[in-house]
Amino acid sequence: KKKKKKKHCIMDNDKKLMVLGAATAGVVAWHVYMLLTYDLVPKGQTAQKGRINTKIQLDKAKVADTVKQEGEKTVLCRCWQSSKFPYCDGSHNEHNNKTGDNVGPVIVTK
């Protein structure tokens, strides 16, 4: 009779399951950490994180302005950060530098 060679295994099944479970838990923990720590929105896009207007006429249900055309062009704010709202004061530049966004004003010409 030939003896069957047993395949040598360093770990038994219980240990394999423990290692597999620990590895899975590590991968899940890493993904959760990445989602909570880093903004995974592609450059040039912003995540929807609630209110975008944080300072203009917050007591109103909707901000709507009538603007009289002045001169050859009027430059209007779209970033909600202008201290001259509804006119643009260039505040979007700081926002774009911080976030990688590309928001700019609306320019109305005659």
C-alpha atoms as a PDB file:
ATOM      1  CA  LYS A   1       0.000   0.000   0.000  1.00  0.00           C
ATOM      2  CA  LYS A   2       1.138   3.454  -0.872  1.00  0.00           C
ATOM      3  CA  LYS A   3       0.739   6.067   1.767  1.00  0.00           C
ATOM      4  CA  LYS A   4      -1.082   9.147   0.631  1.00  0.00           C
ATOM      5  CA  LYS A   5       0.907  12.251   1.211  1.00  0.00           C
ATOM      6  CA  LYS A   6      -1.011  14.750   3.227  1.00  0.00           C
ATOM      7  CA  LYS A   7      -0.840  18.264   1.956  1.00  0.00           C
ATOM      8  CA  HIS A   8       0.906  20.304   4.522  1.00  0.00           C
ATOM      9  CA  CYS A   9      -1.079  23.334   5.609  1.00  0.00           C
ATOM     10  CA  ILE A  10       0.254  25.823   8.088  1.00  0.00           C
ATOM     11  CA  MET A  11      -3.200  26.861   9.290  1.00  0.00           C
ATOM     12  CA  ASP A  12      -6.300  24.891  10.017  1.00  0.00           C
ATOM     13  CA  ASN A  13      -9.696  26.085   8.736  1.00  0.00           C
ATOM     14  CA  ASP A  14     -10.586  28.026  11.889  1.00  0.00           C
ATOM     15  CA  LYS A  15      -7.403  30.054  11.664  1.00  0.00           C
ATOM     16  CA  LYS A  16      -7.959  30.666   7.954  1.00  0.00           C
ATOM     17  CA  LEU A  17     -11.428  32.019   8.675  1.00  0.00           C
ATOM     18  CA  MET A  18     -10.063  34.276  11.410  1.00  0.00           C
ATOM     19  CA  VAL A  19      -7.399  35.690   9.081  1.00  0.00           C
ATOM     20  CA  LEU A  20      -9.922  36.153   6.277  1.00  0.00           C
ATOM     21  CA  GLY A  21     -12.344  37.873   8.662  1.00  0.00           C
ATOM     22  CA  ALA A  22      -9.632  40.175   9.999  1.00  0.00           C
ATOM     23  CA  ALA A  23      -8.504  41.068   6.479  1.00  0.00           C
ATOM     24  CA  THR A  24     -12.091  41.790   5.417  1.00  0.00           C
ATOM     25  CA  ALA A  25     -12.663  43.951   8.489  1.00  0.00           C
ATOM     26  CA  GLY A  26      -9.451  45.850   7.714  1.00  0.00           C
ATOM     27  CA  VAL A  27     -10.492  46.530   4.130  1.00  0.00           C
ATOM     28  CA  VAL A  28     -13.952  47.705   5.234  1.00  0.00           C
ATOM     29  CA  ALA A  29     -12.443  49.938   7.938  1.00  0.00           C
ATOM     30  CA  TRP A  30     -10.027  51.447   5.413  1.00  0.00           C
ATOM     31  CA  HIS A  31     -12.882  52.236   2.977  1.00  0.00           C
ATOM     32  CA  VAL A  32     -14.957  53.857   5.728  1.00  0.00           C
ATOM     33  CA  TYR A  33     -11.929  55.916   6.789  1.00  0.00           C
ATOM     34  CA  MET A  34     -11.345  57.070   3.213  1.00  0.00           C
ATOM     35  CA  LEU A  35     -14.986  58.020   2.734  1.00  0.00           C
ATOM     36  CA  LEU A  36     -15.075  60.006   5.961  1.00  0.00           C
ATOM     37  CA  THR A  37     -11.663  61.627   5.600  1.00  0.00           C
ATOM     38  CA  TYR A  38     -11.318  62.540   1.949  1.00  0.00           C
ATOM     39  CA  ASP A  39     -13.584  64.367  -0.449  1.00  0.00           C
ATOM     40  CA  LEU A  40     -13.931  61.808  -3.231  1.00  0.00           C
ATOM     41  CA  VAL A  41     -15.614  64.211  -5.664  1.00  0.00           C
ATOM     42  CA  PRO A  42     -13.654  64.631  -8.917  1.00  0.00           C
ATOM     43  CA  LYS A  43     -11.714  67.875  -9.342  1.00  0.00           C
ATOM     44  CA  GLY A  44     -13.902  70.606 -10.776  1.00  0.00           C
ATOM     45  CA  GLN A  45     -17.062  69.276  -9.162  1.00  0.00           C
ATOM     46  CA  THR A  46     -18.504  69.945  -5.746  1.00  0.00           C
ATOM     47  CA  ALA A  47     -20.382  67.592  -3.495  1.00  0.00           C
ATOM     48  CA  GLN A  48     -23.932  68.338  -2.512  1.00  0.00           C
ATOM     49  CA  LYS A  49     -23.552  69.012   1.184  1.00  0.00           C
ATOM     50  CA  GLY A  50     -26.637  71.041   1.960  1.00  0.00           C
ATOM     51  CA  ARG A  51     -27.007  74.798   1.786  1.00  0.00           C
ATOM     52  CA  ILE A  52     -24.843  76.735  -0.676  1.00  0.00           C
ATOM     53  CA  ASN A  53     -26.110  80.155   0.369  1.00  0.00           C
ATOM     54  CA  THR A  54     -24.754  80.696   3.867  1.00  0.00           C
ATOM     55  CA  LYS A  55     -25.107  84.472   4.210  1.00  0.00           C
ATOM     56  CA  ILE A  56     -27.416  86.204   1.682  1.00  0.00           C
ATOM     57  CA  GLN A  57     -31.000  87.022   2.791  1.00  0.00           C
ATOM     58  CA  LEU A  58     -31.314  83.866   4.892  1.00  0.00           C
ATOM     59  CA  ASP A  59     -34.640  85.023   6.345  1.00  0.00           C
ATOM     60  CA  LYS A  60     -36.352  84.697   2.931  1.00  0.00           C
ATOM     61  CA  ALA A  61     -37.842  81.515   1.440  1.00  0.00           C
ATOM     62  CA  LYS A  62     -36.212  82.320  -1.931  1.00  0.00           C
ATOM     63  CA  VAL A  63     -33.603  84.877  -2.923  1.00  0.00           C
ATOM     64  CA  ALA A  64     -34.673  86.673  -6.088  1.00  0.00           C
ATOM     65  CA  ASP A  65     -33.335  90.060  -7.201  1.00  0.00           C
ATOM     66  CA  THR A  66     -34.244  92.462  -9.975  1.00  0.00           C
ATOM     67  CA  VAL A  67     -31.107  94.023 -11.414  1.00  0.00           C
ATOM     68  CA  LYS A  68     -31.020  97.128 -13.589  1.00  0.00           C
ATOM     69  CA  GLN A  69     -28.541  96.928 -16.452  1.00  0.00           C
ATOM     70  CA  GLU A  70     -25.762  99.430 -15.798  1.00  0.00           C
ATOM     71  CA  GLY A  71     -23.533 100.489 -18.683  1.00  0.00           C
ATOM     72  CA  GLU A  72     -22.317  97.988 -21.250  1.00  0.00           C
ATOM     73  CA  LYS A  73     -22.143  95.006 -18.901  1.00  0.00           C
ATOM     74  CA  THR A  74     -23.274  93.805 -15.499  1.00  0.00           C
ATOM     75  CA  VAL A  75     -21.357  91.073 -13.635  1.00  0.00           C
ATOM     76  CA  LEU A  76     -23.569  88.942 -11.378  1.00  0.00           C
ATOM     77  CA  CYS A  77     -22.524  86.568  -8.579  1.00  0.00           C
ATOM     78  CA  ARG A  78     -23.186  82.815  -8.852  1.00  0.00           C
ATOM     79  CA  CYS A  79     -21.124  81.621  -5.882  1.00  0.00           C
ATOM     80  CA  TRP A  80     -23.204  83.242  -3.100  1.00  0.00           C
ATOM     81  CA  GLN A  81     -20.038  84.603  -1.463  1.00  0.00           C
ATOM     82  CA  SER A  82     -20.030  88.175  -2.797  1.00  0.00           C
ATOM     83  CA  SER A  83     -20.236  91.021  -0.284  1.00  0.00           C
ATOM     84  CA  LYS A  84     -21.922  93.042  -3.075  1.00  0.00           C
ATOM     85  CA  PHE A  85     -24.534  90.365  -3.900  1.00  0.00           C
ATOM     86  CA  PRO A  86     -26.182  90.115  -6.430  1.00  0.00           C
ATOM     87  CA  TYR A  87     -23.142  91.726  -8.062  1.00  0.00           C
ATOM     88  CA  CYS A  88     -19.847  89.816  -8.268  1.00  0.00           C
ATOM     89  CA  ASP A  89     -16.906  91.015  -6.191  1.00  0.00           C
ATOM     90  CA  GLY A  90     -14.516  88.198  -7.190  1.00  0.00           C
ATOM     91  CA  SER A  91     -15.119  86.074  -4.071  1.00  0.00           C
ATOM     92  CA  HIS A  92     -15.438  82.986  -6.283  1.00  0.00           C
ATOM     93  CA  ASN A  93     -11.661  83.064  -6.876  1.00  0.00           C
ATOM     94  CA  GLU A  94     -10.902  82.087  -3.264  1.00  0.00           C
ATOM     95  CA  HIS A  95     -13.586  79.360  -3.400  1.00  0.00           C
ATOM     96  CA  ASN A  96     -12.123  77.978  -6.644  1.00  0.00           C
ATOM     97  CA  ASN A  97      -8.584  77.929  -5.223  1.00  0.00           C
ATOM     98  CA  LYS A  98      -9.717  76.052  -2.092  1.00  0.00           C
ATOM     99  CA  THR A  99     -11.968  73.508  -3.805  1.00  0.00           C
ATOM    100  CA  GLY A 100     -10.736  73.082  -7.367  1.00  0.00           C
ATOM    101  CA  ASP A 101     -14.142  74.308  -8.552  1.00  0.00           C
ATOM    102  CA  ASN A 102     -14.508  76.522 -11.617  1.00  0.00           C
ATOM    103  CA  VAL A 103     -17.495  78.721 -10.710  1.00  0.00           C
ATOM    104  CA  GLY A 104     -17.521  82.246 -12.080  1.00  0.00           C
ATOM    105  CA  PRO A 105     -19.930  85.138 -12.515  1.00  0.00           C
ATOM    106  CA  VAL A 106     -22.753  85.675 -14.986  1.00  0.00           C
ATOM    107  CA  ILE A 107     -21.794  88.527 -17.295  1.00  0.00           C
ATOM    108  CA  VAL A 108     -24.755  90.301 -18.891  1.00  0.00           C
ATOM    109  CA  THR A 109     -23.928  92.490 -21.885  1.00  0.00           C
ATOM    110  CA  LYS A 110     -26.007  94.723 -24.164  1.00  0.00           C
END
